[in-house]
Structure formats: structure tokens, C-alpha cells
PDB file of N, CA and C in Angstrom:
ATOM      1  N   UNK A   1      -3.767  -7.975  18.822  1.00  0.00           N
ATOM      2  CA  UNK A   1      -3.490  -7.956  17.372  1.00  0.00           C
ATOM      3  C   UNK A   1      -2.898  -6.690  16.836  1.00  0.00           C
ATOM      4  N   UNK A   2      -1.934  -6.869  16.012  1.00  0.00           N
ATOM      5  CA  UNK A   2      -1.204  -5.654  15.513  1.00  0.00           C
ATOM      6  C   UNK A   2      -2.106  -4.997  14.574  1.00  0.00           C
ATOM      7  N   UNK A   3      -2.337  -3.630  14.664  1.00  0.00           N
ATOM      8  CA  UNK A   3      -3.250  -2.957  13.846  1.00  0.00           C
ATOM      9  C   UNK A   3      -2.748  -2.510  12.523  1.00  0.00           C
ATOM     10  N   UNK A   4      -1.458  -2.908  12.163  1.00  0.00           N
ATOM     11  CA  UNK A   4      -0.866  -2.620  10.959  1.00  0.00           C
ATOM     12  C   UNK A   4      -0.488  -3.764  10.129  1.00  0.00           C
ATOM     13  N   UNK A   5      -0.603  -3.675   8.740  1.00  0.00           N
ATOM     14  CA  UNK A   5      -0.245  -4.709   7.826  1.00  0.00           C
ATOM     15  C   UNK A   5       0.446  -4.150   6.640  1.00  0.00           C
ATOM     16  N   UNK A   6       1.420  -4.857   6.058  1.00  0.00           N
ATOM     17  CA  UNK A   6       2.052  -4.456   4.849  1.00  0.00           C
ATOM     18  C   UNK A   6       1.506  -5.427   3.787  1.00  0.00           C
ATOM     19  N   UNK A   7       1.021  -4.847   2.690  1.00  0.00           N
ATOM     20  CA  UNK A   7       0.559  -5.684   1.610  1.00  0.00           C
ATOM     21  C   UNK A   7       1.423  -5.371   0.347  1.00  0.00           C
ATOM     22  N   UNK A   8       2.253  -6.351   0.139  1.00  0.00           N
ATOM     23  CA  UNK A   8       3.269  -6.218  -1.007  1.00  0.00           C
ATOM     24  C   UNK A   8       3.938  -7.564  -1.415  1.00  0.00           C
ATOM     25  N   UNK A   9       4.525  -7.818  -2.516  1.00  0.00           N
ATOM     26  CA  UNK A   9       5.200  -8.865  -2.924  1.00  0.00           C
ATOM     27  C   UNK A   9       6.668  -8.555  -3.087  1.00  0.00           C
ATOM     28  N   UNK A  10       7.061  -7.275  -2.838  1.00  0.00           N
ATOM     29  CA  UNK A  10       8.312  -6.658  -2.984  1.00  0.00           C
ATOM     30  C   UNK A  10       9.226  -6.699  -1.830  1.00  0.00           C
ATOM     31  N   UNK A  11      10.312  -7.366  -1.819  1.00  0.00           N
ATOM     32  CA  UNK A  11      11.210  -7.341  -0.670  1.00  0.00           C
ATOM     33  C   UNK A  11      11.717  -5.813  -0.370  1.00  0.00           C
ATOM     34  N   UNK A  12      12.163  -5.131  -1.416  1.00  0.00           N
ATOM     35  CA  UNK A  12      12.563  -3.811  -1.250  1.00  0.00           C
ATOM     36  C   UNK A  12      11.677  -2.922  -0.546  1.00  0.00           C
ATOM     37  N   UNK A  13      10.445  -3.103  -0.853  1.00  0.00           N
ATOM     38  CA  UNK A  13       9.410  -2.320  -0.153  1.00  0.00           C
ATOM     39  C   UNK A  13       9.337  -2.522   1.246  1.00  0.00           C
ATOM     40  N   UNK A  14       9.338  -3.793   1.642  1.00  0.00           N
ATOM     41  CA  UNK A  14       9.301  -4.116   3.078  1.00  0.00           C
ATOM     42  C   UNK A  14      10.454  -3.644   3.832  1.00  0.00           C
ATOM     43  N   UNK A  15      11.727  -3.726   3.175  1.00  0.00           N
ATOM     44  CA  UNK A  15      12.938  -3.135   3.799  1.00  0.00           C
ATOM     45  C   UNK A  15      12.946  -1.655   3.986  1.00  0.00           C
ATOM     46  N   UNK A  16      12.384  -0.992   2.931  1.00  0.00           N
ATOM     47  CA  UNK A  16      12.184   0.402   2.890  1.00  0.00           C
ATOM     48  C   UNK A  16      11.359   0.907   3.970  1.00  0.00           C
ATOM     49  N   UNK A  17      10.236   0.214   4.233  1.00  0.00           N
ATOM     50  CA  UNK A  17       9.193   0.508   5.372  1.00  0.00           C
ATOM     51  C   UNK A  17       9.957   0.283   6.669  1.00  0.00           C
ATOM     52  N   UNK A  18      10.512  -0.922   6.839  1.00  0.00           N
ATOM     53  CA  UNK A  18      11.244  -1.278   8.066  1.00  0.00           C
ATOM     54  C   UNK A  18      12.193  -0.148   8.399  1.00  0.00           C
ATOM     55  N   UNK A  19      12.969   0.375   7.393  1.00  0.00           N
ATOM     56  CA  UNK A  19      13.926   1.526   7.730  1.00  0.00           C
ATOM     57  C   UNK A  19      13.212   2.643   8.478  1.00  0.00           C
ATOM     58  N   UNK A  20      12.019   2.799   8.135  1.00  0.00           N
ATOM     59  CA  UNK A  20      11.147   3.956   8.739  1.00  0.00           C
ATOM     60  C   UNK A  20      10.498   3.506   9.962  1.00  0.00           C
ATOM     61  N   UNK A  21      10.838   2.279  10.530  1.00  0.00           N
ATOM     62  CA  UNK A  21      10.234   1.874  11.832  1.00  0.00           C
ATOM     63  C   UNK A  21       8.879   1.188  11.630  1.00  0.00           C
ATOM     64  N   UNK A  22       8.467   0.849  10.382  1.00  0.00           N
ATOM     65  CA  UNK A  22       7.153   0.088  10.376  1.00  0.00           C
ATOM     66  C   UNK A  22       7.488  -1.364  10.157  1.00  0.00           C
ATOM     67  N   UNK A  23       7.301  -2.104  11.199  1.00  0.00           N
ATOM     68  CA  UNK A  23       7.476  -3.553  11.299  1.00  0.00           C
ATOM     69  C   UNK A  23       6.160  -4.140  11.563  1.00  0.00           C
ATOM     70  N   UNK A  24       5.523  -4.524  10.435  1.00  0.00           N
ATOM     71  CA  UNK A  24       4.233  -5.093  10.550  1.00  0.00           C
ATOM     72  C   UNK A  24       4.262  -6.461   9.765  1.00  0.00           C
ATOM     73  N   UNK A  25       3.202  -7.247   9.960  1.00  0.00           N
ATOM     74  CA  UNK A  25       3.076  -8.615   9.121  1.00  0.00           C
ATOM     75  C   UNK A  25       2.878  -8.132   7.715  1.00  0.00           C
ATOM     76  N   UNK A  26       3.569  -9.132   6.931  1.00  0.00           N
ATOM     77  CA  UNK A  26       3.573  -8.941   5.454  1.00  0.00           C
ATOM     78  C   UNK A  26       2.753  -9.923   4.772  1.00  0.00           C
ATOM     79  N   UNK A  27       1.787  -9.462   3.885  1.00  0.00           N
ATOM     80  CA  UNK A  27       0.951 -10.356   3.049  1.00  0.00           C
ATOM     81  C   UNK A  27       1.237 -10.125   1.586  1.00  0.00           C
ATOM     82  N   UNK A  28       1.420 -10.931   0.638  1.00  0.00           N
ATOM     83  CA  UNK A  28       1.514 -10.714  -0.722  1.00  0.00           C
ATOM     84  C   UNK A  28       0.285 -10.310  -1.326  1.00  0.00           C
ATOM     85  N   UNK A  29      -0.832 -10.767  -0.792  1.00  0.00           N
ATOM     86  CA  UNK A  29      -2.240 -10.342  -1.299  1.00  0.00           C
ATOM     87  C   UNK A  29      -3.098 -10.181  -0.058  1.00  0.00           C
ATOM     88  N   UNK A  30      -4.163  -9.393  -0.136  1.00  0.00           N
ATOM     89  CA  UNK A  30      -5.011  -9.229   0.953  1.00  0.00           C
ATOM     90  C   UNK A  30      -6.512  -9.348   0.524  1.00  0.00           C
ATOM     91  N   UNK A  31      -7.278  -9.710   1.577  1.00  0.00           N
ATOM     92  CA  UNK A  31      -8.724  -9.830   1.506  1.00  0.00           C
ATOM     93  C   UNK A  31      -9.259  -8.846   2.589  1.00  0.00           C
ATOM     94  N   UNK A  32     -10.668  -8.674   2.453  1.00  0.00           N
ATOM     95  CA  UNK A  32     -11.197  -7.753   3.370  1.00  0.00           C
ATOM     96  C   UNK A  32     -11.028  -7.983   4.864  1.00  0.00           C
ATOM     97  N   UNK A  33     -10.908  -9.296   5.274  1.00  0.00           N
ATOM     98  CA  UNK A  33     -10.687  -9.527   6.674  1.00  0.00           C
ATOM     99  C   UNK A  33      -9.216  -9.119   6.999  1.00  0.00           C
ATOM    100  N   UNK A  34      -8.417  -9.112   6.064  1.00  0.00           N
ATOM    101  CA  UNK A  34      -6.873  -8.784   6.327  1.00  0.00           C
ATOM    102  C   UNK A  34      -6.790  -7.292   6.717  1.00  0.00           C
ATOM    103  N   UNK A  35      -7.654  -6.488   5.951  1.00  0.00           N
ATOM    104  CA  UNK A  35      -7.332  -4.954   6.109  1.00  0.00           C
ATOM    105  C   UNK A  35      -8.486  -4.237   6.866  1.00  0.00           C
ATOM    106  N   UNK A  36      -9.559  -4.890   7.110  1.00  0.00           N
ATOM    107  CA  UNK A  36     -10.715  -4.204   7.785  1.00  0.00           C
ATOM    108  C   UNK A  36     -10.163  -3.548   9.129  1.00  0.00           C
ATOM    109  N   UNK A  37     -10.433  -2.251   9.215  1.00  0.00           N
ATOM    110  CA  UNK A  37     -10.073  -1.443  10.448  1.00  0.00           C
ATOM    111  C   UNK A  37      -8.596  -1.464  10.775  1.00  0.00           C
ATOM    112  N   UNK A  38      -7.848  -1.688   9.640  1.00  0.00           N
ATOM    113  CA  UNK A  38      -6.254  -1.734  10.128  1.00  0.00           C
ATOM    114  C   UNK A  38      -5.627  -0.595   9.291  1.00  0.00           C
ATOM    115  N   UNK A  39      -4.340  -0.322   9.700  1.00  0.00           N
ATOM    116  CA  UNK A  39      -3.488   0.593   8.993  1.00  0.00           C
ATOM    117  C   UNK A  39      -2.758  -0.200   8.000  1.00  0.00           C
ATOM    118  N   UNK A  40      -2.937   0.146   6.702  1.00  0.00           N
ATOM    119  CA  UNK A  40      -2.342  -0.692   5.570  1.00  0.00           C
ATOM    120  C   UNK A  40      -1.427   0.079   4.898  1.00  0.00           C
ATOM    121  N   UNK A  41      -0.157  -0.533   4.635  1.00  0.00           N
ATOM    122  CA  UNK A  41       0.947   0.012   3.824  1.00  0.00           C
ATOM    123  C   UNK A  41       1.011  -0.931   2.595  1.00  0.00           C
ATOM    124  N   UNK A  42       0.656  -0.259   1.380  1.00  0.00           N
ATOM    125  CA  UNK A  42       0.733  -1.120   0.156  1.00  0.00           C
ATOM    126  C   UNK A  42      -0.476  -0.612  -0.621  1.00  0.00           C
ATOM    127  N   UNK A  43      -0.479  -1.177  -1.958  1.00  0.00           N
ATOM    128  CA  UNK A  43      -1.457  -0.740  -2.921  1.00  0.00           C
ATOM    129  C   UNK A  43      -2.682  -1.788  -2.760  1.00  0.00           C
ATOM    130  N   UNK A  44      -3.778  -1.197  -2.731  1.00  0.00           N
ATOM    131  CA  UNK A  44      -4.969  -2.096  -2.604  1.00  0.00           C
ATOM    132  C   UNK A  44      -6.122  -1.533  -3.627  1.00  0.00           C
ATOM    133  N   UNK A  45      -6.888  -2.606  -4.096  1.00  0.00           N
ATOM    134  CA  UNK A  45      -8.014  -2.173  -4.924  1.00  0.00           C
ATOM    135  C   UNK A  45      -8.885  -1.243  -4.048  1.00  0.00           C
ATOM    136  N   UNK A  46      -9.496  -0.192  -4.717  1.00  0.00           N
ATOM    137  CA  UNK A  46     -10.395   0.664  -3.926  1.00  0.00           C
ATOM    138  C   UNK A  46     -11.418   0.004  -3.145  1.00  0.00           C
ATOM    139  N   UNK A  47     -11.943  -1.091  -3.633  1.00  0.00           N
ATOM    140  CA  UNK A  47     -13.049  -1.845  -2.991  1.00  0.00           C
ATOM    141  C   UNK A  47     -12.549  -2.352  -1.549  1.00  0.00           C
ATOM    142  N   UNK A  48     -11.199  -2.697  -1.524  1.00  0.00           N
ATOM    143  CA  UNK A  48     -10.623  -3.168  -0.267  1.00  0.00           C
ATOM    144  C   UNK A  48     -10.235  -1.973   0.604  1.00  0.00           C
ATOM    145  N   UNK A  49      -9.566  -1.016  -0.036  1.00  0.00           N
ATOM    146  CA  UNK A  49      -9.142   0.252   0.596  1.00  0.00           C
ATOM    147  C   UNK A  49     -10.131   0.928   1.481  1.00  0.00           C
ATOM    148  N   UNK A  50     -11.353   0.889   1.010  1.00  0.00           N
ATOM    149  CA  UNK A  50     -12.490   1.511   1.689  1.00  0.00           C
ATOM    150  C   UNK A  50     -12.767   0.829   3.122  1.00  0.00           C
ATOM    151  N   UNK A  51     -12.346  -0.304   3.346  1.00  0.00           N
ATOM    152  CA  UNK A  51     -12.515  -1.054   4.701  1.00  0.00           C
ATOM    153  C   UNK A  51     -11.378  -0.773   5.529  1.00  0.00           C
ATOM    154  N   UNK A  52     -10.264  -0.230   5.170  1.00  0.00           N
ATOM    155  CA  UNK A  52      -9.114  -0.029   5.902  1.00  0.00           C
ATOM    156  C   UNK A  52      -9.293   1.198   6.787  1.00  0.00           C
ATOM    157  N   UNK A  53      -8.635   1.253   8.008  1.00  0.00           N
ATOM    158  CA  UNK A  53      -8.712   2.487   8.788  1.00  0.00           C
ATOM    159  C   UNK A  53      -7.860   3.515   8.157  1.00  0.00           C
ATOM    160  N   UNK A  54      -6.720   3.172   7.709  1.00  0.00           N
ATOM    161  CA  UNK A  54      -5.807   4.051   6.860  1.00  0.00           C
ATOM    162  C   UNK A  54      -5.110   3.334   5.824  1.00  0.00           C
ATOM    163  N   UNK A  55      -4.814   3.976   4.756  1.00  0.00           N
ATOM    164  CA  UNK A  55      -4.106   3.276   3.538  1.00  0.00           C
ATOM    165  C   UNK A  55      -2.926   4.304   3.202  1.00  0.00           C
ATOM    166  N   UNK A  56      -1.712   3.653   3.362  1.00  0.00           N
ATOM    167  CA  UNK A  56      -0.511   4.396   2.975  1.00  0.00           C
ATOM    168  C   UNK A  56       0.101   3.791   1.791  1.00  0.00           C
ATOM    169  N   UNK A  57       0.445   4.498   0.706  1.00  0.00           N
ATOM    170  CA  UNK A  57       1.011   4.164  -0.545  1.00  0.00           C
ATOM    171  C   UNK A  57       2.415   4.717  -0.629  1.00  0.00           C
ATOM    172  N   UNK A  58       3.355   3.989  -1.165  1.00  0.00           N
ATOM    173  CA  UNK A  58       4.717   4.526  -1.517  1.00  0.00           C
ATOM    174  C   UNK A  58       4.622   5.111  -2.834  1.00  0.00           C
ATOM    175  N   UNK A  59       4.703   6.364  -2.968  1.00  0.00           N
ATOM    176  CA  UNK A  59       4.721   7.088  -4.166  1.00  0.00           C
ATOM    177  C   UNK A  59       6.375   7.329  -4.666  1.00  0.00           C
ATOM    178  N   UNK A  60       6.631   7.082  -5.803  1.00  0.00           N
ATOM    179  CA  UNK A  60       8.066   7.168  -6.364  1.00  0.00           C
ATOM    180  C   UNK A  60       8.094   8.245  -7.446  1.00  0.00           C
ATOM    181  N   UNK A  61       8.269   9.475  -7.047  1.00  0.00           N
ATOM    182  CA  UNK A  61       8.193  10.514  -8.088  1.00  0.00           C
ATOM    183  C   UNK A  61       9.226  10.538  -9.088  1.00  0.00           C
ATOM    184  N   UNK A  62      10.348  10.037  -8.864  1.00  0.00           N
ATOM    185  CA  UNK A  62      11.531  10.100  -9.746  1.00  0.00           C
ATOM    186  C   UNK A  62      11.795   8.811 -10.392  1.00  0.00           C
ATOM    187  N   UNK A  63      10.887   7.874 -10.657  1.00  0.00           N
ATOM    188  CA  UNK A  63      11.046   6.548 -11.149  1.00  0.00           C
ATOM    189  C   UNK A  63      11.320   6.655 -12.635  1.00  0.00           C
ATOM    190  N   UNK A  64      12.439   6.124 -13.085  1.00  0.00           N
ATOM    191  CA  UNK A  64      12.814   6.208 -14.499  1.00  0.00           C
ATOM    192  C   UNK A  64      11.849   5.147 -15.205  1.00  0.00           C
ATOM    193  N   UNK A  65      11.528   5.472 -16.468  1.00  0.00           N
ATOM    194  CA  UNK A  65      10.621   4.552 -17.221  1.00  0.00           C
ATOM    195  C   UNK A  65      11.452   3.144 -17.381  1.00  0.00           C
ATOM    196  N   UNK A  66      12.779   3.225 -17.446  1.00  0.00           N
ATOM    197  CA  UNK A  66      13.476   1.879 -17.775  1.00  0.00           C
ATOM    198  C   UNK A  66      13.399   1.014 -16.629  1.00  0.00           C
ATOM    199  N   UNK A  67      12.850   1.375 -15.331  1.00  0.00           N
ATOM    200  CA  UNK A  67      12.723   0.521 -14.277  1.00  0.00           C
ATOM    201  C   UNK A  67      11.454  -0.294 -14.283  1.00  0.00           C
ATOM    202  N   UNK A  68      10.515  -0.052 -15.347  1.00  0.00           N
ATOM    203  CA  UNK A  68       9.351  -0.614 -15.243  1.00  0.00           C
ATOM    204  C   UNK A  68       9.470  -2.183 -15.342  1.00  0.00           C
ATOM    205  N   UNK A  69       8.751  -2.866 -14.354  1.00  0.00           N
ATOM    206  CA  UNK A  69       8.912  -4.353 -14.340  1.00  0.00           C
ATOM    207  C   UNK A  69      10.116  -4.849 -13.681  1.00  0.00           C
ATOM    208  N   UNK A  70      10.854  -4.017 -13.110  1.00  0.00           N
ATOM    209  CA  UNK A  70      12.217  -4.379 -12.515  1.00  0.00           C
ATOM    210  C   UNK A  70      11.976  -4.317 -10.986  1.00  0.00           C
ATOM    211  N   UNK A  71      12.474  -5.333 -10.286  1.00  0.00           N
ATOM    212  CA  UNK A  71      12.229  -5.257  -8.787  1.00  0.00           C
ATOM    213  C   UNK A  71      13.340  -4.372  -8.226  1.00  0.00           C
ATOM    214  N   UNK A  72      12.615  -3.407  -7.411  1.00  0.00           N
ATOM    215  CA  UNK A  72      13.515  -2.311  -6.868  1.00  0.00           C
ATOM    216  C   UNK A  72      13.863  -2.678  -5.382  1.00  0.00           C
ATOM    217  N   UNK A  73      15.072  -2.292  -4.990  1.00  0.00           N
ATOM    218  CA  UNK A  73      15.685  -2.519  -3.690  1.00  0.00           C
ATOM    219  C   UNK A  73      15.276  -1.293  -2.911  1.00  0.00           C
ATOM    220  N   UNK A  74      15.482  -1.434  -1.561  1.00  0.00           N
ATOM    221  CA  UNK A  74      15.216  -0.314  -0.690  1.00  0.00           C
ATOM    222  C   UNK A  74      16.072   0.985  -1.155  1.00  0.00           C
ATOM    223  N   UNK A  75      17.264   0.686  -1.550  1.00  0.00           N
ATOM    224  CA  UNK A  75      18.151   1.598  -1.907  1.00  0.00           C
ATOM    225  C   UNK A  75      17.645   2.486  -3.205  1.00  0.00           C
ATOM    226  N   UNK A  76      17.211   1.580  -4.139  1.00  0.00           N
ATOM    227  CA  UNK A  76      16.528   2.171  -5.324  1.00  0.00           C
ATOM    228  C   UNK A  76      15.404   3.018  -4.864  1.00  0.00           C
ATOM    229  N   UNK A  77      14.511   2.662  -4.111  1.00  0.00           N
ATOM    230  CA  UNK A  77      13.410   3.449  -3.693  1.00  0.00           C
ATOM    231  C   UNK A  77      13.931   4.836  -3.148  1.00  0.00           C
ATOM    232  N   UNK A  78      14.974   4.741  -2.202  1.00  0.00           N
ATOM    233  CA  UNK A  78      15.621   5.955  -1.663  1.00  0.00           C
ATOM    234  C   UNK A  78      16.075   6.835  -2.840  1.00  0.00           C
ATOM    235  N   UNK A  79      16.760   6.195  -3.813  1.00  0.00           N
ATOM    236  CA  UNK A  79      17.395   7.012  -4.870  1.00  0.00           C
ATOM    237  C   UNK A  79      16.385   7.798  -5.749  1.00  0.00           C
ATOM    238  N   UNK A  80      15.204   7.035  -5.872  1.00  0.00           N
ATOM    239  CA  UNK A  80      14.152   7.682  -6.750  1.00  0.00           C
ATOM    240  C   UNK A  80      13.168   8.554  -6.041  1.00  0.00           C
ATOM    241  N   UNK A  81      13.398   8.807  -4.675  1.00  0.00           N
ATOM    242  CA  UNK A  81      12.618   9.767  -3.966  1.00  0.00           C
ATOM    243  C   UNK A  81      11.295   9.272  -3.389  1.00  0.00           C
ATOM    244  N   UNK A  82      11.347   7.980  -2.950  1.00  0.00           N
ATOM    245  CA  UNK A  82      10.069   7.390  -2.575  1.00  0.00           C
ATOM    246  C   UNK A  82       9.707   8.145  -1.297  1.00  0.00           C
ATOM    247  N   UNK A  83       8.326   8.188  -1.119  1.00  0.00           N
ATOM    248  CA  UNK A  83       7.653   8.721   0.077  1.00  0.00           C
ATOM    249  C   UNK A  83       6.379   8.168   0.312  1.00  0.00           C
ATOM    250  N   UNK A  84       5.968   8.195   1.581  1.00  0.00           N
ATOM    251  CA  UNK A  84       4.628   7.562   1.982  1.00  0.00           C
ATOM    252  C   UNK A  84       3.545   8.615   1.937  1.00  0.00           C
ATOM    253  N   UNK A  85       2.537   8.248   1.229  1.00  0.00           N
ATOM    254  CA  UNK A  85       1.357   9.236   1.150  1.00  0.00           C
ATOM    255  C   UNK A  85       0.169   8.500   1.481  1.00  0.00           C
ATOM    256  N   UNK A  86      -0.665   9.148   2.457  1.00  0.00           N
ATOM    257  CA  UNK A  86      -1.981   8.546   2.892  1.00  0.00           C
ATOM    258  C   UNK A  86      -3.068   8.812   2.017  1.00  0.00           C
ATOM    259  N   UNK A  87      -3.877   7.879   1.678  1.00  0.00           N
ATOM    260  CA  UNK A  87      -5.013   8.001   0.783  1.00  0.00           C
ATOM    261  C   UNK A  87      -6.278   7.767   1.695  1.00  0.00           C
ATOM    262  N   UNK A  88      -7.331   8.437   1.272  1.00  0.00           N
ATOM    263  CA  UNK A  88      -8.522   8.095   1.940  1.00  0.00           C
ATOM    264  C   UNK A  88      -9.650   7.675   0.907  1.00  0.00           C
ATOM    265  N   UNK A  89     -10.352   6.525   1.136  1.00  0.00           N
ATOM    266  CA  UNK A  89     -11.290   5.957   0.276  1.00  0.00           C
ATOM    267  C   UNK A  89     -12.593   5.665   1.077  1.00  0.00           C
ATOM    268  N   UNK A  90     -13.681   6.290   0.548  1.00  0.00           N
ATOM    269  CA  UNK A  90     -14.889   6.152   1.254  1.00  0.00           C
ATOM    270  C   UNK A  90     -15.865   5.374   0.289  1.00  0.00           C
ATOM    271  N   UNK A  91     -16.577   4.326   0.873  1.00  0.00           N
ATOM    272  CA  UNK A  91     -17.536   3.557   0.048  1.00  0.00           C
ATOM    273  C   UNK A  91     -18.879   4.250   0.278  1.00  0.00           C
ATOM    274  N   UNK A  92     -19.581   4.515  -0.727  1.00  0.00           N
ATOM    275  CA  UNK A  92     -20.905   5.053  -0.530  1.00  0.00           C
ATOM    276  C   UNK A  92     -21.937   4.068  -1.162  1.00  0.00           C
ATOM    277  N   UNK A  93     -23.233   4.224  -0.948  1.00  0.00           N
ATOM    278  CA  UNK A  93     -24.290   3.500  -1.334  1.00  0.00           C
ATOM    279  C   UNK A  93     -24.209   3.236  -2.821  1.00  0.00           C
ATOM    280  N   UNK A  94     -24.605   2.141  -3.475  1.00  0.00           N
ATOM    281  CA  UNK A  94     -24.601   2.018  -4.850  1.00  0.00           C
ATOM    282  C   UNK A  94     -25.536   2.939  -5.558  1.00  0.00           C
ATOM    283  N   UNK A  95     -25.208   3.395  -6.732  1.00  0.00           N
ATOM    284  CA  UNK A  95     -25.996   4.210  -7.510  1.00  0.00           C
ATOM    285  C   UNK A  95     -27.009   3.393  -8.340  1.00  0.00           C
ATOM    286  N   UNK A  96     -28.202   3.587  -8.112  1.00  0.00           N
ATOM    287  CA  UNK A  96     -29.302   2.890  -8.771  1.00  0.00           C
ATOM    288  C   UNK A  96     -29.939   3.581  -9.990  1.00  0.00           C
ATOM    289  N   UNK A  97     -30.062   2.975 -11.020  1.00  0.00           N
ATOM    290  CA  UNK A  97     -30.691   3.566 -12.152  1.00  0.00           C
ATOM    291  C   UNK A  97     -32.044   2.941 -12.358  1.00  0.00           C
ATOM    292  N   UNK A  98     -33.043   3.765 -12.373  1.00  0.00           N
ATOM    293  CA  UNK A  98     -34.480   3.139 -12.734  1.00  0.00           C
ATOM    294  C   UNK A  98     -34.558   2.870 -14.218  1.00  0.00           C
ATOM    295  N   UNK A  99     -35.311   1.866 -14.497  1.00  0.00           N
ATOM    296  CA  UNK A  99     -35.628   1.427 -15.873  1.00  0.00           C
ATOM    297  C   UNK A  99     -36.863   2.051 -16.343  1.00  0.00           C
TER     298      UNK A  99
END
């Protein structure tokens, strides 16, 4: 089983990752069993990210406001300075309040 997965609905994101040698299965949405103990490229809710081995998110530091809601190509991501950043999420025991 491939230990990597890409979670995105954006074709430009997949192409951008592939240009960097990341060739993993792609899912538009993920559940716990999809990400558990795997290297994930894409944005996840923190409740899921805590189960992944690693989470890598594409940050786009120079993204113009006018591109909000616009599908970006891999070339657009390059132009706006996209970079992969690893995030760590740790799930802790629930906080209990006594009544």
C-alpha cells in the first residue's frame, strides 16, 4: 500500500505536486481510514489530521485577493510562490469540566 495520499478537488494542485515528484492516489475528500498513518498532501480538518503520519499543506504566500474562488493551475501556484509546509497535529484527551 502506498503510504502517501493527496486530498484535494483541484487539478492544479495535483499537477503542482506531481511536478515535485509526488505521485500518490488522489481523493477529493477523506475519512479517517484514508489518512490514518499516512503522509497526506492537502488540507484536512484537525480531527483527521491528528491521525495522519504527516500532513503537508500548500501555502500560497502571494495569492492575490482577486483569485478567491478561482480554480488555480499549477502555473498559477508557481507564480504566486506556492510552497509545501509540514504541519503537526496532536490529539489530546478531552477536557472534562465538572458540574
